[in-house]
Amino acid sequence: MRGRSKPRSFTRRWSSSTAADTDGRVGFSNSTTTHSPEIRFRYQVLGTEYESDRLYPNIIARGYASAESAAEALAPFPLHATVRAYVDPSHPEQAFLIRERGNGPVVFIVLGLVLPPLAWFVGKYV
């Protein structure tokens, strides 16, 4: 495959920064009976201080069935600890703490494929 560049790796796109003053807790939603880890941390990029509340890279919230499992996600980030945060250099205001690929794009692709035929079916037969 000469002349073609390899796709950029997920890990190469993000640089790391030190996050300080972490503050995490487990939230509960009555409407869905799920628990979610909630965190807030401060970090600096090129001398500018930012604050973020993202645990994962995508903005789709992740819920857990129990408070204990949500607390496990926060365990590596104790209160007021200094931890590693991952920062997109082109959007430094969007840092997160756990580096992983998200399912966000897949969710929207599936919805885009399923909803139009479903709407057609409902409009025609219901």
C-alpha atoms as a PDB file:
ATOM      1  CA  MET A   1       0.000   0.000   0.000  1.00  0.00           C
ATOM      2  CA  ARG A   2       2.541   2.503  -1.069  1.00  0.00           C
ATOM      3  CA  GLY A   3       1.608   6.156  -1.077  1.00  0.00           C
ATOM      4  CA  ARG A   4      -1.249   5.754   1.395  1.00  0.00           C
ATOM      5  CA  SER A   5      -0.843   7.020   4.889  1.00  0.00           C
ATOM      6  CA  LYS A   6      -1.952   4.984   7.858  1.00  0.00           C
ATOM      7  CA  PRO A   7      -4.963   6.288   9.756  1.00  0.00           C
ATOM      8  CA  ARG A   8      -3.989   8.246  12.820  1.00  0.00           C
ATOM      9  CA  SER A   9      -4.134   6.267  15.979  1.00  0.00           C
ATOM     10  CA  PHE A  10      -6.601   7.244  18.680  1.00  0.00           C
ATOM     11  CA  THR A  11      -3.789   7.676  21.178  1.00  0.00           C
ATOM     12  CA  ARG A  12      -1.679   9.920  18.945  1.00  0.00           C
ATOM     13  CA  ARG A  13      -4.404  12.529  18.604  1.00  0.00           C
ATOM     14  CA  TRP A  14      -4.564  13.252  22.322  1.00  0.00           C
ATOM     15  CA  SER A  15      -1.800  14.711  24.415  1.00  0.00           C
ATOM     16  CA  SER A  16      -1.678  14.315  28.154  1.00  0.00           C
ATOM     17  CA  SER A  17      -1.729  16.928  30.860  1.00  0.00           C
ATOM     18  CA  THR A  18      -1.680  16.832  34.623  1.00  0.00           C
ATOM     19  CA  ALA A  19      -5.057  17.333  36.240  1.00  0.00           C
ATOM     20  CA  ALA A  20      -5.253  18.515  39.803  1.00  0.00           C
ATOM     21  CA  ASP A  21      -7.960  19.022  42.398  1.00  0.00           C
ATOM     22  CA  THR A  22     -10.185  16.179  41.254  1.00  0.00           C
ATOM     23  CA  ASP A  23     -13.633  16.034  42.817  1.00  0.00           C
ATOM     24  CA  GLY A  24     -15.752  12.953  42.120  1.00  0.00           C
ATOM     25  CA  ARG A  25     -19.060  11.584  43.328  1.00  0.00           C
ATOM     26  CA  VAL A  26     -21.742   9.141  42.194  1.00  0.00           C
ATOM     27  CA  GLY A  27     -25.004  10.616  40.951  1.00  0.00           C
ATOM     28  CA  PHE A  28     -28.377   8.852  40.733  1.00  0.00           C
ATOM     29  CA  SER A  29     -31.125   9.320  38.161  1.00  0.00           C
ATOM     30  CA  ASN A  30     -34.686   8.526  39.266  1.00  0.00           C
ATOM     31  CA  SER A  31     -35.970   8.512  35.698  1.00  0.00           C
ATOM     32  CA  THR A  32     -33.704   5.664  34.602  1.00  0.00           C
ATOM     33  CA  THR A  33     -32.653   4.111  37.933  1.00  0.00           C
ATOM     34  CA  THR A  34     -28.994   4.298  36.959  1.00  0.00           C
ATOM     35  CA  HIS A  35     -25.936   5.617  38.721  1.00  0.00           C
ATOM     36  CA  SER A  36     -23.337   7.716  36.983  1.00  0.00           C
ATOM     37  CA  PRO A  37     -19.846   8.736  38.029  1.00  0.00           C
ATOM     38  CA  GLU A  38     -19.573  12.510  38.178  1.00  0.00           C
ATOM     39  CA  ILE A  39     -16.177  14.172  38.280  1.00  0.00           C
ATOM     40  CA  ARG A  40     -14.747  17.647  37.905  1.00  0.00           C
ATOM     41  CA  PHE A  41     -11.063  18.442  37.498  1.00  0.00           C
ATOM     42  CA  ARG A  42      -8.795  21.353  36.619  1.00  0.00           C
ATOM     43  CA  TYR A  43      -5.841  21.221  34.250  1.00  0.00           C
ATOM     44  CA  GLN A  44      -3.525  23.523  32.321  1.00  0.00           C
ATOM     45  CA  VAL A  45      -2.602  23.603  28.649  1.00  0.00           C
ATOM     46  CA  LEU A  46       0.071  26.051  27.519  1.00  0.00           C
ATOM     47  CA  GLY A  47      -0.369  28.136  30.659  1.00  0.00           C
ATOM     48  CA  THR A  48      -4.166  28.421  30.367  1.00  0.00           C
ATOM     49  CA  GLU A  49      -6.245  26.771  33.090  1.00  0.00           C
ATOM     50  CA  TYR A  50      -9.324  24.768  32.123  1.00  0.00           C
ATOM     51  CA  GLU A  51     -11.938  22.723  33.975  1.00  0.00           C
ATOM     52  CA  SER A  52     -13.704  19.605  32.712  1.00  0.00           C
ATOM     53  CA  ASP A  53     -16.297  17.122  33.906  1.00  0.00           C
ATOM     54  CA  ARG A  54     -15.680  14.415  31.334  1.00  0.00           C
ATOM     55  CA  LEU A  55     -14.566  11.000  32.493  1.00  0.00           C
ATOM     56  CA  TYR A  56     -14.627   9.498  28.968  1.00  0.00           C
ATOM     57  CA  PRO A  57     -13.840  11.056  25.585  1.00  0.00           C
ATOM     58  CA  ASN A  58     -17.392  11.101  24.236  1.00  0.00           C
ATOM     59  CA  ILE A  59     -20.270  13.118  25.630  1.00  0.00           C
ATOM     60  CA  ILE A  60     -22.747  10.231  25.764  1.00  0.00           C
ATOM     61  CA  ALA A  61     -23.355   9.598  29.460  1.00  0.00           C
ATOM     62  CA  ARG A  62     -22.609   6.143  30.783  1.00  0.00           C
ATOM     63  CA  GLY A  63     -24.894   4.701  33.446  1.00  0.00           C
ATOM     64  CA  TYR A  64     -24.193   1.893  35.894  1.00  0.00           C
ATOM     65  CA  ALA A  65     -26.681  -0.447  37.555  1.00  0.00           C
ATOM     66  CA  SER A  66     -25.269   0.072  41.041  1.00  0.00           C
ATOM     67  CA  ALA A  67     -23.602   2.853  42.984  1.00  0.00           C
ATOM     68  CA  GLU A  68     -20.693   0.504  43.689  1.00  0.00           C
ATOM     69  CA  SER A  69     -19.913  -0.048  39.995  1.00  0.00           C
ATOM     70  CA  ALA A  70     -20.118   3.701  39.333  1.00  0.00           C
ATOM     71  CA  ALA A  71     -17.784   4.317  42.282  1.00  0.00           C
ATOM     72  CA  GLU A  72     -15.300   1.807  40.815  1.00  0.00           C
ATOM     73  CA  ALA A  73     -14.961   4.048  37.741  1.00  0.00           C
ATOM     74  CA  LEU A  74     -13.988   6.922  40.065  1.00  0.00           C
ATOM     75  CA  ALA A  75     -11.611   4.874  42.247  1.00  0.00           C
ATOM     76  CA  PRO A  76      -8.447   5.803  40.278  1.00  0.00           C
ATOM     77  CA  PHE A  77      -9.236   9.501  40.834  1.00  0.00           C
ATOM     78  CA  PRO A  78      -9.289  10.229  44.592  1.00  0.00           C
ATOM     79  CA  LEU A  79     -10.411  13.584  45.905  1.00  0.00           C
ATOM     80  CA  HIS A  80      -7.812  16.357  45.363  1.00  0.00           C
ATOM     81  CA  ALA A  81      -5.423  13.945  43.608  1.00  0.00           C
ATOM     82  CA  THR A  82      -3.077  14.810  40.765  1.00  0.00           C
ATOM     83  CA  VAL A  83      -3.865  12.493  37.858  1.00  0.00           C
ATOM     84  CA  ARG A  84      -3.318  12.285  34.091  1.00  0.00           C
ATOM     85  CA  ALA A  85      -5.870  13.969  31.831  1.00  0.00           C
ATOM     86  CA  TYR A  86      -6.060  13.581  28.051  1.00  0.00           C
ATOM     87  CA  VAL A  87      -6.437  16.726  25.980  1.00  0.00           C
ATOM     88  CA  ASP A  88      -7.211  17.258  22.297  1.00  0.00           C
ATOM     89  CA  PRO A  89      -4.656  19.914  21.256  1.00  0.00           C
ATOM     90  CA  SER A  90      -7.154  21.473  18.835  1.00  0.00           C
ATOM     91  CA  HIS A  91      -9.864  21.647  21.558  1.00  0.00           C
ATOM     92  CA  PRO A  92      -8.044  21.965  24.891  1.00  0.00           C
ATOM     93  CA  GLU A  93     -11.300  22.691  26.735  1.00  0.00           C
ATOM     94  CA  GLN A  94     -12.421  19.086  26.135  1.00  0.00           C
ATOM     95  CA  ALA A  95     -10.218  16.986  28.409  1.00  0.00           C
ATOM     96  CA  PHE A  96     -11.133  13.611  29.886  1.00  0.00           C
ATOM     97  CA  LEU A  97      -9.564  11.105  32.286  1.00  0.00           C
ATOM     98  CA  ILE A  98     -10.162   7.602  30.888  1.00  0.00           C
ATOM     99  CA  ARG A  99      -8.781   7.049  27.391  1.00  0.00           C
ATOM    100  CA  GLU A 100     -10.942   4.697  25.355  1.00  0.00           C
ATOM    101  CA  ARG A 101     -12.799   4.584  22.094  1.00  0.00           C
ATOM    102  CA  GLY A 102     -16.436   5.532  22.489  1.00  0.00           C
ATOM    103  CA  ASN A 103     -19.503   4.006  20.875  1.00  0.00           C
ATOM    104  CA  GLY A 104     -21.006   7.409  20.051  1.00  0.00           C
ATOM    105  CA  PRO A 105     -20.410   7.267  16.280  1.00  0.00           C
ATOM    106  CA  VAL A 106     -21.746   3.709  16.082  1.00  0.00           C
ATOM    107  CA  VAL A 107     -24.932   4.689  17.925  1.00  0.00           C
ATOM    108  CA  PHE A 108     -25.665   7.504  15.496  1.00  0.00           C
ATOM    109  CA  ILE A 109     -24.899   5.353  12.438  1.00  0.00           C
ATOM    110  CA  VAL A 110     -27.290   2.644  13.656  1.00  0.00           C
ATOM    111  CA  LEU A 111     -29.986   5.227  14.410  1.00  0.00           C
ATOM    112  CA  GLY A 112     -29.501   6.749  10.964  1.00  0.00           C
ATOM    113  CA  LEU A 113     -29.954   3.347   9.344  1.00  0.00           C
ATOM    114  CA  VAL A 114     -32.894   2.186  11.475  1.00  0.00           C
ATOM    115  CA  LEU A 115     -35.049   5.302  11.919  1.00  0.00           C
ATOM    116  CA  PRO A 116     -35.837   6.178   8.251  1.00  0.00           C
ATOM    117  CA  PRO A 117     -37.241   2.708   7.382  1.00  0.00           C
ATOM    118  CA  LEU A 118     -39.088   2.627  10.706  1.00  0.00           C
ATOM    119  CA  ALA A 119     -40.627   6.047  10.022  1.00  0.00           C
ATOM    120  CA  TRP A 120     -41.636   4.891   6.551  1.00  0.00           C
ATOM    121  CA  PHE A 121     -43.242   1.729   7.960  1.00  0.00           C
ATOM    122  CA  VAL A 122     -45.118   3.621  10.657  1.00  0.00           C
ATOM    123  CA  GLY A 123     -46.310   6.240   8.153  1.00  0.00           C
ATOM    124  CA  LYS A 124     -47.517   3.629   5.675  1.00  0.00           C
ATOM    125  CA  TYR A 125     -49.075   0.961   7.921  1.00  0.00           C
ATOM    126  CA  VAL A 126     -50.014   2.591  11.205  1.00  0.00           C
END
